[in-house]
């Protein structure tokens, strides 16, 4: 049976940056700089949309947003009734709390410093396995980030983010004749935008 909404105390996102973060696939929801938004109070935003939002997953993965959730399960029954068989609602509530705890533990593991390595580049750069997150600074000139070959790198992920807004482009190019989503290259023209890519062993795919 559906989880009663009263058991979900909070489910909101916190913007860690000084810029507005827009989640286009969450009905064009914008999170203000250093602000927080209770997702479940926004019209047309459901738990299903939250779970399926690739924009939200990307923003959390690169550290722009942080999801904060807490479940509060309370019973007003006298203590002598607590030994009775649990109702479907009680079981569902406990299951939700356990699932949220597991997800929080996983998130803490994903946020650990050793999970991703970071480099900032100001000129053309060829990516290596040493750094999975590449911040491209195009303040003074155009920057091209060339990915390593996708061959023998199945499952490898690279994230390239443009960190400023200037007249110079940030271009992401695959190795040789390989492609990114069947394209020869991708260009980031707007500041604070990013692209996540994964290798299938032959080419790169945007995720």
N, C-alpha and C. Protein backbone atom coordinates (compact mmCIF):
# COMPACT_ATOMS: atom_id res chain seq x y z
N UNK A 1 0.85 -1.18 0.00
CA UNK A 1 0.00 0.00 0.00
C UNK A 1 0.89 1.24 0.00
N UNK A 2 0.38 2.40 -0.50
CA UNK A 2 1.21 3.61 -0.57
C UNK A 2 1.63 4.09 0.80
N UNK A 3 2.80 4.69 0.86
CA UNK A 3 3.28 5.26 2.13
C UNK A 3 2.53 6.55 2.41
N UNK A 4 1.94 6.68 3.60
CA UNK A 4 1.23 7.92 3.94
C UNK A 4 2.22 9.07 3.98
N UNK A 5 1.82 10.22 3.42
CA UNK A 5 2.73 11.35 3.32
C UNK A 5 3.17 11.86 4.69
N UNK A 6 2.31 11.65 5.72
CA UNK A 6 2.66 12.15 7.05
C UNK A 6 3.91 11.48 7.59
N UNK A 7 4.30 10.31 7.04
CA UNK A 7 5.49 9.63 7.52
C UNK A 7 6.77 10.18 6.91
N UNK A 8 6.63 11.03 5.89
CA UNK A 8 7.81 11.62 5.27
C UNK A 8 7.98 13.01 5.84
N UNK A 9 8.91 13.18 6.76
CA UNK A 9 9.07 14.44 7.46
C UNK A 9 9.64 15.51 6.54
N UNK A 10 10.77 15.21 5.89
CA UNK A 10 11.38 16.17 4.97
C UNK A 10 11.99 15.45 3.79
N UNK A 11 11.98 16.11 2.67
CA UNK A 11 12.65 15.61 1.46
C UNK A 11 12.99 16.86 0.65
N UNK A 12 14.18 17.41 0.90
CA UNK A 12 14.51 18.65 0.23
C UNK A 12 15.94 18.63 -0.29
N UNK A 13 16.24 19.58 -1.18
CA UNK A 13 17.58 19.69 -1.73
C UNK A 13 18.19 21.00 -1.26
N UNK A 14 19.47 20.96 -0.98
CA UNK A 14 20.22 22.12 -0.53
C UNK A 14 21.23 22.50 -1.61
N UNK A 15 21.19 23.74 -2.07
CA UNK A 15 22.12 24.24 -3.09
C UNK A 15 23.41 24.64 -2.41
N UNK A 16 24.51 23.96 -2.74
CA UNK A 16 25.79 24.24 -2.12
C UNK A 16 26.56 25.35 -2.83
N UNK A 17 26.05 25.84 -3.96
CA UNK A 17 26.79 26.80 -4.77
C UNK A 17 26.21 28.20 -4.63
N UNK A 18 26.89 29.15 -5.27
CA UNK A 18 26.42 30.53 -5.28
C UNK A 18 25.64 30.85 -6.54
N UNK A 19 25.20 29.82 -7.25
CA UNK A 19 24.44 30.00 -8.48
C UNK A 19 23.14 29.21 -8.40
N UNK A 20 22.14 29.67 -9.12
CA UNK A 20 20.88 28.94 -9.20
C UNK A 20 21.09 27.64 -9.96
N UNK A 21 20.58 26.53 -9.44
CA UNK A 21 20.66 25.23 -10.09
C UNK A 21 19.26 24.87 -10.60
N UNK A 22 19.15 24.63 -11.92
CA UNK A 22 17.86 24.33 -12.53
C UNK A 22 17.76 22.85 -12.84
N UNK A 23 16.69 22.22 -12.41
CA UNK A 23 16.43 20.81 -12.68
C UNK A 23 15.34 20.75 -13.75
N UNK A 24 15.75 20.73 -15.02
CA UNK A 24 14.81 20.84 -16.12
C UNK A 24 13.80 19.72 -16.18
N UNK A 25 14.20 18.50 -15.77
CA UNK A 25 13.28 17.38 -15.86
C UNK A 25 12.45 17.22 -14.59
N UNK A 26 12.51 18.21 -13.70
CA UNK A 26 11.61 18.25 -12.54
C UNK A 26 10.66 19.44 -12.70
N UNK A 27 10.00 19.50 -13.81
CA UNK A 27 9.05 20.58 -14.12
C UNK A 27 9.73 21.94 -13.98
N UNK A 28 10.95 22.07 -14.51
CA UNK A 28 11.70 23.33 -14.50
C UNK A 28 11.81 23.93 -13.11
N UNK A 29 12.19 23.09 -12.16
CA UNK A 29 12.38 23.54 -10.78
C UNK A 29 13.76 24.18 -10.63
N UNK A 30 13.82 25.35 -9.99
CA UNK A 30 15.09 26.04 -9.75
C UNK A 30 15.35 26.12 -8.26
N UNK A 31 16.60 25.83 -7.89
CA UNK A 31 17.01 25.91 -6.49
C UNK A 31 17.90 27.15 -6.34
N UNK A 32 17.52 28.14 -5.54
CA UNK A 32 18.29 29.38 -5.44
C UNK A 32 19.66 29.16 -4.81
N UNK A 33 20.60 30.08 -5.05
CA UNK A 33 21.94 29.96 -4.48
C UNK A 33 21.91 29.81 -2.97
N UNK A 34 22.61 28.79 -2.47
CA UNK A 34 22.70 28.50 -1.04
C UNK A 34 21.32 28.30 -0.40
N UNK A 35 20.32 28.06 -1.22
CA UNK A 35 18.97 27.89 -0.70
C UNK A 35 18.56 26.43 -0.68
N UNK A 36 17.35 26.17 -0.18
CA UNK A 36 16.82 24.82 -0.12
C UNK A 36 15.38 24.83 -0.59
N UNK A 37 14.98 23.72 -1.19
CA UNK A 37 13.61 23.59 -1.68
C UNK A 37 13.06 22.25 -1.22
N UNK A 38 11.89 22.28 -0.57
CA UNK A 38 11.20 21.06 -0.18
C UNK A 38 10.52 20.50 -1.42
N UNK A 39 11.07 19.44 -2.00
CA UNK A 39 10.61 18.95 -3.29
C UNK A 39 9.16 18.51 -3.26
N UNK A 40 8.73 17.89 -2.18
CA UNK A 40 7.38 17.33 -2.14
C UNK A 40 6.30 18.39 -1.96
N UNK A 41 6.69 19.65 -1.75
CA UNK A 41 5.69 20.72 -1.67
C UNK A 41 5.56 21.46 -2.99
N UNK A 42 6.39 21.11 -3.97
CA UNK A 42 6.33 21.77 -5.27
C UNK A 42 5.26 21.10 -6.13
N UNK A 43 4.35 21.87 -6.73
CA UNK A 43 3.29 21.28 -7.56
C UNK A 43 3.87 20.40 -8.68
N UNK A 44 3.26 19.24 -8.87
CA UNK A 44 3.57 18.30 -9.94
C UNK A 44 4.89 17.57 -9.74
N UNK A 45 5.60 17.81 -8.65
CA UNK A 45 6.82 17.07 -8.35
C UNK A 45 6.47 15.91 -7.43
N UNK A 46 6.72 14.69 -7.89
CA UNK A 46 6.40 13.49 -7.12
C UNK A 46 7.68 12.76 -6.74
N UNK A 47 7.54 11.78 -5.83
CA UNK A 47 8.70 10.98 -5.45
C UNK A 47 9.25 10.22 -6.65
N UNK A 48 8.36 9.81 -7.57
CA UNK A 48 8.81 9.10 -8.75
C UNK A 48 9.68 10.01 -9.63
N UNK A 49 9.25 11.26 -9.82
CA UNK A 49 10.05 12.20 -10.62
C UNK A 49 11.39 12.48 -9.96
N UNK A 50 11.37 12.58 -8.62
CA UNK A 50 12.62 12.82 -7.90
C UNK A 50 13.59 11.67 -8.14
N UNK A 51 13.10 10.43 -8.04
CA UNK A 51 13.95 9.26 -8.22
C UNK A 51 14.46 9.12 -9.64
N UNK A 52 13.68 9.63 -10.63
CA UNK A 52 14.04 9.46 -12.03
C UNK A 52 14.76 10.67 -12.62
N UNK A 53 14.96 11.72 -11.86
CA UNK A 53 15.53 12.96 -12.39
C UNK A 53 17.03 12.82 -12.63
N UNK A 54 17.42 12.77 -13.90
CA UNK A 54 18.86 12.70 -14.21
C UNK A 54 19.56 14.02 -13.87
N UNK A 55 18.84 15.15 -14.02
CA UNK A 55 19.43 16.44 -13.65
C UNK A 55 19.76 16.47 -12.17
N UNK A 56 18.86 15.95 -11.34
CA UNK A 56 19.09 15.93 -9.89
C UNK A 56 20.25 15.02 -9.55
N UNK A 57 20.31 13.83 -10.18
CA UNK A 57 21.40 12.89 -9.90
C UNK A 57 22.74 13.50 -10.27
N UNK A 58 22.78 14.21 -11.44
CA UNK A 58 24.03 14.83 -11.87
C UNK A 58 24.44 15.94 -10.91
N UNK A 59 23.47 16.78 -10.52
CA UNK A 59 23.78 17.90 -9.62
C UNK A 59 24.30 17.40 -8.28
N UNK A 60 23.76 16.29 -7.78
CA UNK A 60 24.23 15.71 -6.52
C UNK A 60 25.63 15.13 -6.70
N UNK A 61 25.83 14.42 -7.84
CA UNK A 61 27.11 13.75 -8.07
C UNK A 61 28.27 14.74 -8.17
N UNK A 62 28.05 15.91 -8.79
CA UNK A 62 29.13 16.88 -8.96
C UNK A 62 29.18 17.88 -7.81
N UNK A 63 28.32 17.68 -6.79
CA UNK A 63 28.42 18.49 -5.59
C UNK A 63 27.65 19.79 -5.60
N UNK A 64 26.79 20.03 -6.62
CA UNK A 64 26.01 21.26 -6.63
C UNK A 64 24.88 21.20 -5.60
N UNK A 65 24.21 20.06 -5.54
CA UNK A 65 23.08 19.90 -4.63
C UNK A 65 23.34 18.77 -3.64
N UNK A 66 22.68 18.86 -2.51
CA UNK A 66 22.72 17.78 -1.52
C UNK A 66 21.28 17.44 -1.15
N UNK A 67 20.95 16.16 -1.23
CA UNK A 67 19.62 15.70 -0.84
C UNK A 67 19.61 15.43 0.66
N UNK A 68 18.62 15.99 1.34
CA UNK A 68 18.49 15.78 2.77
C UNK A 68 17.10 15.21 3.03
N UNK A 69 17.08 14.01 3.59
CA UNK A 69 15.82 13.33 3.83
C UNK A 69 15.81 12.81 5.26
N UNK A 70 14.63 12.82 5.89
CA UNK A 70 14.49 12.26 7.24
C UNK A 70 13.08 11.74 7.40
N UNK A 71 12.97 10.54 7.88
CA UNK A 71 11.66 9.94 8.11
C UNK A 71 11.39 9.87 9.60
N UNK A 72 10.19 10.23 10.00
CA UNK A 72 9.81 10.18 11.40
C UNK A 72 8.60 9.27 11.52
N UNK A 73 8.75 8.13 12.17
CA UNK A 73 7.65 7.19 12.38
C UNK A 73 7.27 7.23 13.85
N UNK A 74 6.07 7.67 14.13
CA UNK A 74 5.62 7.77 15.52
C UNK A 74 4.28 7.04 15.67
N UNK A 75 4.06 6.51 16.84
CA UNK A 75 2.79 5.85 17.14
C UNK A 75 2.20 6.45 18.40
N UNK A 76 0.90 6.71 18.39
CA UNK A 76 0.24 7.29 19.56
C UNK A 76 -0.39 6.22 20.42
N UNK A 77 -0.18 4.94 20.07
CA UNK A 77 -0.77 3.85 20.83
C UNK A 77 -0.08 3.68 22.18
N UNK A 78 -0.80 3.24 23.21
CA UNK A 78 -0.16 2.96 24.51
C UNK A 78 0.90 1.89 24.36
N UNK A 79 1.85 1.86 25.30
CA UNK A 79 2.95 0.91 25.23
C UNK A 79 2.47 -0.53 25.19
N UNK A 80 1.38 -0.82 25.90
CA UNK A 80 0.92 -2.21 25.95
C UNK A 80 0.47 -2.71 24.58
N UNK A 81 0.17 -1.80 23.65
CA UNK A 81 -0.29 -2.20 22.33
C UNK A 81 0.87 -2.41 21.36
N UNK A 82 2.06 -2.03 21.73
CA UNK A 82 3.19 -2.11 20.82
C UNK A 82 3.61 -3.54 20.55
N UNK A 83 3.18 -4.47 21.39
CA UNK A 83 3.52 -5.86 21.17
C UNK A 83 2.56 -6.54 20.22
N UNK A 84 1.52 -5.80 19.80
CA UNK A 84 0.55 -6.35 18.87
C UNK A 84 1.17 -6.48 17.49
N UNK A 85 0.50 -7.21 16.61
CA UNK A 85 0.98 -7.39 15.24
C UNK A 85 1.01 -6.04 14.55
N UNK A 86 2.09 -5.74 13.85
CA UNK A 86 2.23 -4.47 13.16
C UNK A 86 1.24 -4.38 12.01
N UNK A 87 0.69 -3.18 11.81
CA UNK A 87 -0.21 -2.96 10.68
C UNK A 87 0.60 -2.81 9.40
N UNK A 88 -0.10 -2.87 8.25
CA UNK A 88 0.59 -2.67 6.96
C UNK A 88 1.27 -1.32 6.91
N UNK A 89 0.62 -0.30 7.48
CA UNK A 89 1.21 1.05 7.46
C UNK A 89 2.48 1.10 8.28
N UNK A 90 2.47 0.44 9.47
CA UNK A 90 3.68 0.42 10.30
C UNK A 90 4.83 -0.27 9.59
N UNK A 91 4.52 -1.40 8.95
CA UNK A 91 5.56 -2.14 8.23
C UNK A 91 6.11 -1.31 7.10
N UNK A 92 5.23 -0.63 6.37
CA UNK A 92 5.67 0.20 5.25
C UNK A 92 6.53 1.34 5.75
N UNK A 93 6.16 1.92 6.89
CA UNK A 93 6.92 3.03 7.44
C UNK A 93 8.32 2.57 7.85
N UNK A 94 8.41 1.41 8.50
CA UNK A 94 9.71 0.90 8.91
C UNK A 94 10.57 0.56 7.70
N UNK A 95 9.93 0.01 6.67
CA UNK A 95 10.68 -0.32 5.45
C UNK A 95 11.23 0.93 4.80
N UNK A 96 10.43 1.99 4.78
CA UNK A 96 10.88 3.25 4.19
C UNK A 96 12.06 3.82 4.98
N UNK A 97 11.95 3.77 6.31
CA UNK A 97 13.04 4.30 7.15
C UNK A 97 14.33 3.53 6.91
N UNK A 98 14.22 2.18 6.80
CA UNK A 98 15.40 1.36 6.56
C UNK A 98 16.00 1.66 5.20
N UNK A 99 15.14 1.80 4.18
CA UNK A 99 15.63 2.10 2.83
C UNK A 99 16.34 3.44 2.80
N UNK A 100 15.77 4.45 3.50
CA UNK A 100 16.39 5.77 3.52
C UNK A 100 17.75 5.72 4.22
N UNK A 101 17.86 4.93 5.29
CA UNK A 101 19.14 4.81 6.00
C UNK A 101 20.19 4.20 5.11
N UNK A 102 19.79 3.15 4.35
CA UNK A 102 20.73 2.52 3.42
C UNK A 102 21.17 3.51 2.37
N UNK A 103 20.20 4.29 1.83
CA UNK A 103 20.55 5.26 0.79
C UNK A 103 21.47 6.33 1.33
N UNK A 104 21.23 6.77 2.58
CA UNK A 104 22.11 7.77 3.19
C UNK A 104 23.52 7.22 3.34
N UNK A 105 23.63 5.95 3.75
CA UNK A 105 24.95 5.33 3.90
C UNK A 105 25.66 5.26 2.56
N UNK A 106 24.91 4.91 1.51
CA UNK A 106 25.50 4.85 0.16
C UNK A 106 25.94 6.23 -0.28
N UNK A 107 25.09 7.25 0.00
CA UNK A 107 25.44 8.61 -0.39
C UNK A 107 26.70 9.07 0.31
N UNK A 108 26.82 8.76 1.62
CA UNK A 108 28.03 9.15 2.34
C UNK A 108 29.25 8.48 1.74
N UNK A 109 29.10 7.23 1.29
CA UNK A 109 30.21 6.53 0.65
C UNK A 109 30.57 7.19 -0.66
N UNK A 110 29.52 7.61 -1.44
CA UNK A 110 29.78 8.24 -2.73
C UNK A 110 30.42 9.60 -2.56
N UNK A 111 30.10 10.28 -1.43
CA UNK A 111 30.66 11.60 -1.20
C UNK A 111 32.07 11.56 -0.62
N UNK A 112 32.57 10.38 -0.32
CA UNK A 112 33.90 10.28 0.28
C UNK A 112 34.96 10.82 -0.68
N UNK A 113 36.00 11.48 -0.15
CA UNK A 113 36.99 12.14 -1.00
C UNK A 113 37.69 11.20 -1.98
N UNK A 114 37.81 9.92 -1.66
CA UNK A 114 38.59 9.03 -2.50
C UNK A 114 37.81 8.50 -3.69
N UNK A 115 36.51 8.81 -3.81
CA UNK A 115 35.71 8.20 -4.87
C UNK A 115 35.95 8.86 -6.22
N UNK A 116 36.21 10.17 -6.25
CA UNK A 116 36.46 10.88 -7.50
C UNK A 116 37.68 11.77 -7.33
N UNK A 117 38.47 11.88 -8.39
CA UNK A 117 39.62 12.77 -8.37
C UNK A 117 39.36 13.93 -9.32
N UNK A 118 39.91 15.09 -9.01
CA UNK A 118 39.55 16.34 -9.66
C UNK A 118 40.78 17.08 -10.18
N UNK A 119 40.62 17.70 -11.36
CA UNK A 119 41.68 18.55 -11.90
C UNK A 119 41.03 19.75 -12.58
N UNK A 120 41.66 20.91 -12.46
CA UNK A 120 41.22 22.12 -13.16
C UNK A 120 42.20 22.43 -14.27
N UNK A 121 41.70 22.68 -15.48
CA UNK A 121 42.57 22.94 -16.63
C UNK A 121 42.22 24.28 -17.24
N UNK A 122 43.24 24.98 -17.75
CA UNK A 122 43.04 26.29 -18.38
C UNK A 122 43.47 26.28 -19.85
N UNK A 123 43.90 25.12 -20.33
CA UNK A 123 44.29 24.98 -21.73
C UNK A 123 43.96 23.57 -22.19
N UNK A 124 44.24 23.29 -23.47
CA UNK A 124 43.89 21.98 -24.02
C UNK A 124 44.47 20.86 -23.15
N UNK A 125 43.66 19.82 -22.95
CA UNK A 125 44.03 18.77 -21.99
C UNK A 125 43.54 17.42 -22.49
N UNK A 126 44.38 16.41 -22.39
CA UNK A 126 44.00 15.04 -22.71
C UNK A 126 43.77 14.29 -21.41
N UNK A 127 42.55 13.81 -21.23
CA UNK A 127 42.17 13.16 -19.97
C UNK A 127 42.91 11.84 -19.78
N UNK A 128 43.16 11.51 -18.53
CA UNK A 128 43.77 10.23 -18.17
C UNK A 128 42.93 9.58 -17.08
N UNK A 129 43.26 8.36 -16.73
CA UNK A 129 42.52 7.66 -15.69
C UNK A 129 42.77 8.24 -14.30
N UNK A 130 43.74 9.16 -14.19
CA UNK A 130 44.07 9.72 -12.88
C UNK A 130 43.01 10.68 -12.36
N UNK A 131 42.27 11.33 -13.29
CA UNK A 131 41.27 12.32 -12.89
C UNK A 131 39.96 12.05 -13.62
N UNK A 132 38.89 11.83 -12.84
CA UNK A 132 37.59 11.56 -13.45
C UNK A 132 36.75 12.83 -13.62
N UNK A 133 37.03 13.86 -12.83
CA UNK A 133 36.29 15.12 -12.93
C UNK A 133 37.24 16.21 -13.42
N UNK A 134 36.85 16.86 -14.52
CA UNK A 134 37.71 17.87 -15.14
C UNK A 134 36.95 19.20 -15.16
N UNK A 135 37.48 20.19 -14.46
CA UNK A 135 36.91 21.53 -14.46
C UNK A 135 37.66 22.37 -15.49
N UNK A 136 36.93 22.86 -16.49
CA UNK A 136 37.56 23.61 -17.58
C UNK A 136 37.36 25.11 -17.37
N UNK A 137 38.48 25.83 -17.26
CA UNK A 137 38.47 27.28 -17.06
C UNK A 137 38.82 27.95 -18.39
N UNK A 138 37.80 28.54 -19.02
CA UNK A 138 38.01 29.18 -20.33
C UNK A 138 38.03 30.69 -20.20
N UNK A 139 38.64 31.19 -19.13
CA UNK A 139 38.67 32.63 -18.90
C UNK A 139 39.43 33.37 -20.00
N UNK A 140 40.58 32.84 -20.40
CA UNK A 140 41.46 33.56 -21.33
C UNK A 140 41.49 32.97 -22.72
N UNK A 141 41.04 31.74 -22.89
CA UNK A 141 41.13 31.09 -24.19
C UNK A 141 40.18 29.89 -24.24
N UNK A 142 39.96 29.41 -25.46
CA UNK A 142 39.15 28.20 -25.62
C UNK A 142 39.92 27.01 -25.06
N UNK A 143 39.17 26.03 -24.56
CA UNK A 143 39.77 24.84 -23.98
C UNK A 143 39.15 23.61 -24.64
N UNK A 144 40.01 22.68 -25.08
CA UNK A 144 39.53 21.41 -25.62
C UNK A 144 39.98 20.29 -24.70
N UNK A 145 39.03 19.48 -24.25
CA UNK A 145 39.32 18.32 -23.43
C UNK A 145 39.14 17.08 -24.30
N UNK A 146 40.22 16.33 -24.50
CA UNK A 146 40.17 15.13 -25.32
C UNK A 146 40.12 13.91 -24.41
N UNK A 147 39.12 13.07 -24.63
CA UNK A 147 38.97 11.86 -23.82
C UNK A 147 39.97 10.80 -24.24
N UNK A 148 40.36 9.94 -23.33
CA UNK A 148 41.20 8.81 -23.74
C UNK A 148 40.36 7.82 -24.54
N UNK A 149 40.98 6.85 -25.15
CA UNK A 149 40.23 5.87 -25.91
C UNK A 149 39.23 5.14 -25.02
N UNK A 150 38.04 4.88 -25.56
CA UNK A 150 37.02 4.14 -24.83
C UNK A 150 37.34 2.66 -24.78
N UNK A 151 38.23 2.20 -25.63
CA UNK A 151 38.60 0.79 -25.69
C UNK A 151 39.24 0.37 -24.36
N UNK A 152 38.81 -0.76 -23.83
CA UNK A 152 39.31 -1.29 -22.56
C UNK A 152 38.97 -0.41 -21.36
N UNK A 153 38.01 0.49 -21.53
CA UNK A 153 37.58 1.33 -20.41
C UNK A 153 36.06 1.21 -20.17
N UNK A 154 35.50 0.07 -20.44
CA UNK A 154 34.07 -0.11 -20.26
C UNK A 154 33.67 0.19 -18.82
N UNK A 155 32.69 1.08 -18.65
CA UNK A 155 32.25 1.47 -17.32
C UNK A 155 32.97 2.68 -16.76
N UNK A 156 34.04 3.13 -17.41
CA UNK A 156 34.78 4.30 -16.94
C UNK A 156 33.93 5.56 -17.16
N UNK A 157 33.89 6.45 -16.18
CA UNK A 157 33.11 7.68 -16.27
C UNK A 157 34.03 8.89 -16.20
N UNK A 158 33.75 9.87 -17.06
CA UNK A 158 34.42 11.16 -17.00
C UNK A 158 33.35 12.24 -16.92
N UNK A 159 33.60 13.26 -16.09
CA UNK A 159 32.71 14.41 -15.97
C UNK A 159 33.52 15.65 -16.33
N UNK A 160 33.02 16.42 -17.31
CA UNK A 160 33.68 17.67 -17.69
C UNK A 160 32.71 18.81 -17.41
N UNK A 161 33.17 19.80 -16.63
CA UNK A 161 32.32 20.94 -16.29
C UNK A 161 33.00 22.24 -16.67
N UNK A 162 32.24 23.13 -17.28
CA UNK A 162 32.73 24.48 -17.58
C UNK A 162 32.45 25.36 -16.36
N UNK A 163 33.48 26.03 -15.83
CA UNK A 163 33.31 26.73 -14.55
C UNK A 163 33.19 28.24 -14.68
N UNK A 164 33.15 28.77 -15.90
CA UNK A 164 32.96 30.20 -16.04
C UNK A 164 32.18 30.51 -17.32
N UNK A 165 31.81 31.78 -17.46
CA UNK A 165 30.98 32.21 -18.58
C UNK A 165 31.73 33.28 -19.36
N UNK A 166 32.39 32.90 -20.44
CA UNK A 166 33.15 33.84 -21.27
C UNK A 166 32.80 33.60 -22.72
N UNK A 167 33.48 34.31 -23.61
CA UNK A 167 33.22 34.14 -25.03
C UNK A 167 33.94 32.96 -25.65
N UNK A 168 34.72 32.24 -24.85
CA UNK A 168 35.46 31.09 -25.37
C UNK A 168 34.70 29.80 -25.09
N UNK A 169 34.82 28.86 -26.01
CA UNK A 169 34.12 27.58 -25.88
C UNK A 169 34.97 26.56 -25.12
N UNK A 170 34.27 25.60 -24.52
CA UNK A 170 34.91 24.41 -23.96
C UNK A 170 34.41 23.22 -24.79
N UNK A 171 35.34 22.56 -25.47
CA UNK A 171 34.98 21.46 -26.37
C UNK A 171 35.45 20.13 -25.79
N UNK A 172 34.58 19.13 -25.81
CA UNK A 172 34.94 17.78 -25.38
C UNK A 172 34.97 16.90 -26.61
N UNK A 173 36.13 16.29 -26.88
CA UNK A 173 36.32 15.48 -28.07
C UNK A 173 36.72 14.05 -27.70
N UNK A 174 36.23 13.06 -28.43
CA UNK A 174 36.65 11.67 -28.19
C UNK A 174 38.00 11.41 -28.84
N UNK A 175 38.53 10.24 -28.59
CA UNK A 175 39.81 9.87 -29.15
C UNK A 175 39.64 9.34 -30.57
N UNK A 176 40.44 9.83 -31.51
CA UNK A 176 40.44 9.31 -32.88
C UNK A 176 39.08 9.37 -33.53
N UNK A 177 38.60 8.22 -34.01
CA UNK A 177 37.31 8.15 -34.71
C UNK A 177 36.17 7.76 -33.77
N UNK A 178 36.44 7.67 -32.47
CA UNK A 178 35.38 7.34 -31.52
C UNK A 178 34.38 8.50 -31.44
N UNK A 179 33.23 8.24 -30.83
CA UNK A 179 32.18 9.26 -30.75
C UNK A 179 31.67 9.41 -29.32
N UNK A 180 30.95 10.50 -29.11
CA UNK A 180 30.22 10.74 -27.86
C UNK A 180 28.75 10.84 -28.25
N UNK A 181 27.94 9.86 -27.87
CA UNK A 181 26.54 9.81 -28.32
C UNK A 181 26.45 9.96 -29.84
N UNK A 182 27.38 9.30 -30.55
CA UNK A 182 27.44 9.28 -32.01
C UNK A 182 27.76 10.66 -32.60
N UNK A 183 28.27 11.56 -31.78
CA UNK A 183 28.70 12.88 -32.26
C UNK A 183 30.22 12.97 -32.20
N UNK A 184 30.76 13.85 -33.07
CA UNK A 184 32.22 14.03 -33.12
C UNK A 184 32.75 14.78 -31.89
N UNK A 185 31.90 15.63 -31.31
CA UNK A 185 32.34 16.38 -30.13
C UNK A 185 31.13 17.01 -29.46
N UNK A 186 31.34 17.52 -28.25
CA UNK A 186 30.33 18.30 -27.55
C UNK A 186 30.96 19.63 -27.15
N UNK A 187 30.16 20.71 -27.19
CA UNK A 187 30.66 22.04 -26.85
C UNK A 187 29.83 22.61 -25.72
N UNK A 188 30.52 23.05 -24.66
CA UNK A 188 29.87 23.73 -23.54
C UNK A 188 30.06 25.23 -23.72
N UNK A 189 28.98 25.95 -23.91
CA UNK A 189 29.05 27.39 -24.17
C UNK A 189 28.59 28.22 -22.99
N UNK A 190 27.95 27.59 -22.01
CA UNK A 190 27.40 28.32 -20.87
C UNK A 190 28.12 27.91 -19.60
N UNK A 191 28.42 28.89 -18.76
CA UNK A 191 29.12 28.60 -17.51
C UNK A 191 28.32 27.73 -16.57
N UNK A 192 29.01 26.94 -15.76
CA UNK A 192 28.41 26.05 -14.76
C UNK A 192 27.55 24.96 -15.39
N UNK A 193 27.90 24.53 -16.59
CA UNK A 193 27.24 23.38 -17.21
C UNK A 193 28.25 22.24 -17.30
N UNK A 194 27.74 21.02 -17.30
CA UNK A 194 28.61 19.86 -17.26
C UNK A 194 28.06 18.75 -18.13
N UNK A 195 28.93 17.79 -18.49
CA UNK A 195 28.53 16.62 -19.26
C UNK A 195 29.18 15.40 -18.62
N UNK A 196 28.37 14.37 -18.37
CA UNK A 196 28.85 13.10 -17.80
C UNK A 196 28.89 12.06 -18.91
N UNK A 197 29.99 11.32 -19.01
CA UNK A 197 30.14 10.34 -20.09
C UNK A 197 30.65 9.02 -19.54
N UNK A 198 30.18 7.92 -20.15
CA UNK A 198 30.61 6.59 -19.74
C UNK A 198 31.00 5.80 -20.99
N UNK A 199 32.01 4.96 -20.85
CA UNK A 199 32.49 4.15 -21.98
C UNK A 199 31.76 2.82 -22.04
N UNK A 200 31.41 2.40 -23.27
CA UNK A 200 30.85 1.07 -23.46
C UNK A 200 31.90 0.09 -23.98
N UNK A 201 33.17 0.54 -23.97
CA UNK A 201 34.26 -0.29 -24.46
C UNK A 201 34.65 0.04 -25.89
N UNK A 202 33.80 0.84 -26.57
CA UNK A 202 34.09 1.23 -27.94
C UNK A 202 33.93 2.74 -28.16
N UNK A 203 32.88 3.31 -27.54
CA UNK A 203 32.60 4.73 -27.68
C UNK A 203 32.11 5.28 -26.34
N UNK A 204 31.86 6.60 -26.32
CA UNK A 204 31.41 7.26 -25.09
C UNK A 204 29.94 7.62 -25.22
N UNK A 205 29.23 7.56 -24.09
CA UNK A 205 27.81 7.87 -24.06
C UNK A 205 27.53 8.88 -22.95
N UNK A 206 26.69 9.87 -23.24
CA UNK A 206 26.28 10.85 -22.23
C UNK A 206 25.27 10.19 -21.28
N UNK A 207 25.46 10.40 -19.99
CA UNK A 207 24.54 9.80 -19.00
C UNK A 207 23.94 10.88 -18.14
